[in-house]
């Protein structure tokens, strides 16, 4: 996130207290607009359990290039994987943002940039419940003002991580 966006985000935060309370219902989908490996994606907030900038990640040795290491969340040690690497993109720099995935076993994904929080009508989301055959963690698309973004399915990302690590039991349960 660029420093120039800080005043806009501050105004939106303050304005949220003066607006009527929005109803949380199935008519809308809450998304995080992110960038991983320089490319735009969206994450469903309902599949995440938090969002953390600049969280310390302790590197681990191992054969998985996507494994960045481990980080602490609420007293738990959680493996952290680079979302760009999982999507097959080059990883030029260490990601700044971490999003712990909801559910078990624990897993956090790291990405480079946060473009913002979005609330879109549910019928605007093009669902691909079977997934994209070329990218098994992408399930759906959402048209946004800056362009259409693929939606990263966090349970499918967890299944991919388990498949990469040889934990097929979890991989089949998540898909």
Protein backbone atom coordinates (compact mmCIF):
# COMPACT_ATOMS: atom_id res chain seq x y z
CA UNK A 1 0.00 0.00 0.00
CA UNK A 2 1.39 3.34 -0.95
CA UNK A 3 1.58 6.19 1.61
CA UNK A 4 -0.51 8.37 -0.73
CA UNK A 5 -3.52 6.11 -0.13
CA UNK A 6 -3.37 6.57 3.65
CA UNK A 7 -5.60 9.73 3.71
CA UNK A 8 -8.26 7.96 1.58
CA UNK A 9 -8.24 4.91 3.83
CA UNK A 10 -8.41 7.14 6.94
CA UNK A 11 -11.41 9.02 5.49
CA UNK A 12 -13.18 5.78 4.58
CA UNK A 13 -12.57 4.45 8.11
CA UNK A 14 -13.97 7.61 9.71
CA UNK A 15 -16.93 7.72 7.30
CA UNK A 16 -17.85 4.13 8.20
CA UNK A 17 -18.91 5.34 11.67
CA UNK A 18 -21.29 7.96 10.27
CA UNK A 19 -23.00 5.65 7.76
CA UNK A 20 -25.93 3.39 8.66
CA UNK A 21 -24.95 -0.12 9.69
CA UNK A 22 -24.79 -2.39 6.68
CA UNK A 23 -26.58 -5.65 6.83
CA UNK A 24 -24.35 -8.68 6.52
CA UNK A 25 -26.19 -11.06 4.25
CA UNK A 26 -25.70 -13.44 1.41
CA UNK A 27 -26.35 -10.69 -1.14
CA UNK A 28 -22.77 -9.43 -0.78
CA UNK A 29 -19.28 -10.93 -0.77
CA UNK A 30 -16.46 -9.39 1.26
CA UNK A 31 -13.11 -9.52 -0.54
CA UNK A 32 -9.53 -8.41 -0.06
CA UNK A 33 -7.94 -7.04 -3.24
CA UNK A 34 -4.29 -8.14 -3.15
CA UNK A 35 -1.24 -8.44 -5.37
CA UNK A 36 0.97 -11.49 -5.38
CA UNK A 37 3.97 -11.62 -7.68
CA UNK A 38 2.86 -8.30 -9.20
CA UNK A 39 -0.52 -9.64 -10.33
CA UNK A 40 -3.98 -8.73 -8.98
CA UNK A 41 -6.08 -11.28 -7.09
CA UNK A 42 -8.97 -11.30 -4.63
CA UNK A 43 -9.35 -13.32 -1.42
CA UNK A 44 -12.69 -14.08 0.24
CA UNK A 45 -12.68 -12.62 3.76
CA UNK A 46 -14.98 -15.41 4.95
CA UNK A 47 -12.10 -17.84 4.29
CA UNK A 48 -9.55 -15.82 6.29
CA UNK A 49 -9.11 -15.35 10.02
CA UNK A 50 -7.06 -12.16 10.00
CA UNK A 51 -4.73 -9.82 8.15
CA UNK A 52 -1.27 -8.85 9.41
CA UNK A 53 1.38 -6.50 7.95
CA UNK A 54 5.07 -6.90 8.67
CA UNK A 55 4.69 -9.98 10.88
CA UNK A 56 8.01 -11.69 11.66
CA UNK A 57 8.44 -14.98 9.81
CA UNK A 58 11.18 -17.33 10.95
CA UNK A 59 12.70 -19.06 7.91
CA UNK A 60 12.81 -22.85 7.78
CA UNK A 61 15.15 -24.97 5.68
CA UNK A 62 13.45 -27.32 3.28
CA UNK A 63 12.82 -28.30 -0.31
CA UNK A 64 9.60 -26.26 -0.73
CA UNK A 65 10.44 -22.88 -2.31
CA UNK A 66 6.97 -21.57 -1.42
CA UNK A 67 7.51 -22.20 2.31
CA UNK A 68 8.68 -18.93 3.82
CA UNK A 69 8.83 -20.23 7.40
CA UNK A 70 6.70 -20.05 10.51
CA UNK A 71 4.94 -17.20 12.32
CA UNK A 72 3.06 -16.86 15.59
CA UNK A 73 -0.66 -16.10 15.64
CA UNK A 74 -2.54 -16.07 18.94
CA UNK A 75 -0.09 -18.42 20.64
CA UNK A 76 0.02 -20.88 17.73
CA UNK A 77 2.92 -21.55 15.39
CA UNK A 78 1.67 -21.47 11.80
CA UNK A 79 3.48 -22.36 8.54
CA UNK A 80 3.61 -19.43 6.10
CA UNK A 81 3.62 -19.99 2.33
CA UNK A 82 4.21 -17.42 -0.40
CA UNK A 83 1.01 -17.06 -2.44
CA UNK A 84 2.93 -15.90 -5.53
CA UNK A 85 5.11 -19.03 -5.45
CA UNK A 86 2.03 -21.25 -5.05
CA UNK A 87 0.53 -19.56 -8.12
CA UNK A 88 3.72 -20.16 -10.12
CA UNK A 89 4.93 -16.55 -10.22
CA UNK A 90 8.52 -15.47 -9.65
CA UNK A 91 9.13 -14.13 -6.16
CA UNK A 92 11.40 -11.08 -6.47
CA UNK A 93 10.98 -9.86 -2.89
CA UNK A 94 9.73 -11.03 0.45
CA UNK A 95 5.95 -10.47 0.89
CA UNK A 96 4.79 -7.94 3.46
CA UNK A 97 1.26 -9.13 4.27
CA UNK A 98 0.10 -12.35 5.95
CA UNK A 99 -3.41 -13.75 5.93
CA UNK A 100 -4.08 -16.73 8.22
CA UNK A 101 -6.57 -19.10 6.60
CA UNK A 102 -9.72 -19.99 8.53
CA UNK A 103 -10.07 -23.65 9.44
CA UNK A 104 -7.63 -26.38 10.28
CA UNK A 105 -4.86 -27.35 10.07
CA UNK A 106 -3.38 -23.86 10.48
CA UNK A 107 -1.85 -22.15 7.46
CA UNK A 108 -1.00 -18.56 6.53
CA UNK A 109 -0.41 -17.16 3.06
CA UNK A 110 1.86 -14.20 2.32
CA UNK A 111 1.34 -11.65 -0.42
CA UNK A 112 3.10 -8.48 -1.53
CA UNK A 113 0.51 -5.69 -1.68
CA UNK A 114 -2.90 -4.95 -0.24
CA UNK A 115 -5.06 -2.91 -2.64
CA UNK A 116 -8.06 -2.71 -0.33
CA UNK A 117 -11.22 -4.20 1.11
CA UNK A 118 -14.18 -4.65 -1.21
CA UNK A 119 -17.84 -5.48 -0.73
CA UNK A 120 -19.40 -6.60 -3.99
CA UNK A 121 -22.84 -7.97 -4.87
CA UNK A 122 -22.76 -11.77 -4.77
CA UNK A 123 -24.18 -11.98 -8.29
CA UNK A 124 -21.16 -10.01 -9.60
CA UNK A 125 -18.86 -12.92 -8.71
CA UNK A 126 -18.39 -15.47 -11.47
CA UNK A 127 -18.12 -18.75 -9.62
CA UNK A 128 -15.91 -21.59 -10.79
CA UNK A 129 -16.69 -24.12 -8.09
CA UNK A 130 -14.72 -26.81 -9.90
CA UNK A 131 -11.66 -24.60 -10.07
CA UNK A 132 -9.45 -23.53 -12.92
CA UNK A 133 -7.66 -26.56 -14.43
CA UNK A 134 -4.47 -24.52 -14.97
CA UNK A 135 -4.45 -22.97 -11.48
CA UNK A 136 -6.18 -25.22 -8.98
CA UNK A 137 -6.35 -22.54 -6.25
CA UNK A 138 -8.28 -20.06 -8.41
CA UNK A 139 -12.04 -20.38 -8.07
CA UNK A 140 -13.96 -17.58 -9.67
CA UNK A 141 -13.52 -14.07 -10.99
CA UNK A 142 -14.77 -10.70 -9.87
CA UNK A 143 -15.04 -7.64 -12.15
CA UNK A 144 -13.76 -4.52 -10.36
CA UNK A 145 -13.10 -0.93 -11.48
CA UNK A 146 -9.38 -1.67 -11.98
CA UNK A 147 -10.05 -4.84 -13.95
CA UNK A 148 -11.23 -8.38 -13.38
CA UNK A 149 -9.45 -10.30 -10.62
CA UNK A 150 -9.22 -14.07 -10.16
CA UNK A 151 -10.36 -15.22 -6.71
CA UNK A 152 -7.92 -17.33 -4.70
CA UNK A 153 -9.77 -20.06 -2.81
CA UNK A 154 -7.99 -20.42 0.54
CA UNK A 155 -9.18 -24.01 1.26
CA UNK A 156 -7.91 -25.01 -2.20
CA UNK A 157 -4.59 -23.28 -1.42
CA UNK A 158 -4.39 -25.31 1.81
CA UNK A 159 -5.08 -28.49 -0.16
CA UNK A 160 -2.30 -27.57 -2.63
CA UNK A 161 0.16 -27.02 0.25
CA UNK A 162 -0.75 -30.39 1.71
CA UNK A 163 -0.38 -32.01 -1.69
CA UNK A 164 3.09 -30.42 -2.07
CA UNK A 165 4.12 -31.66 1.36
CA UNK A 166 2.78 -35.18 0.80
CA UNK A 167 -0.15 -34.88 3.23
CA UNK A 168 -2.73 -36.29 0.87
CA UNK A 169 -5.31 -36.90 3.62
CA UNK A 170 -5.76 -33.15 4.16
CA UNK A 171 -5.47 -32.39 0.44
CA UNK A 172 -8.50 -34.59 -0.36
CA UNK A 173 -10.54 -33.26 2.59
CA UNK A 174 -10.05 -29.64 1.51
CA UNK A 175 -11.07 -30.11 -2.12
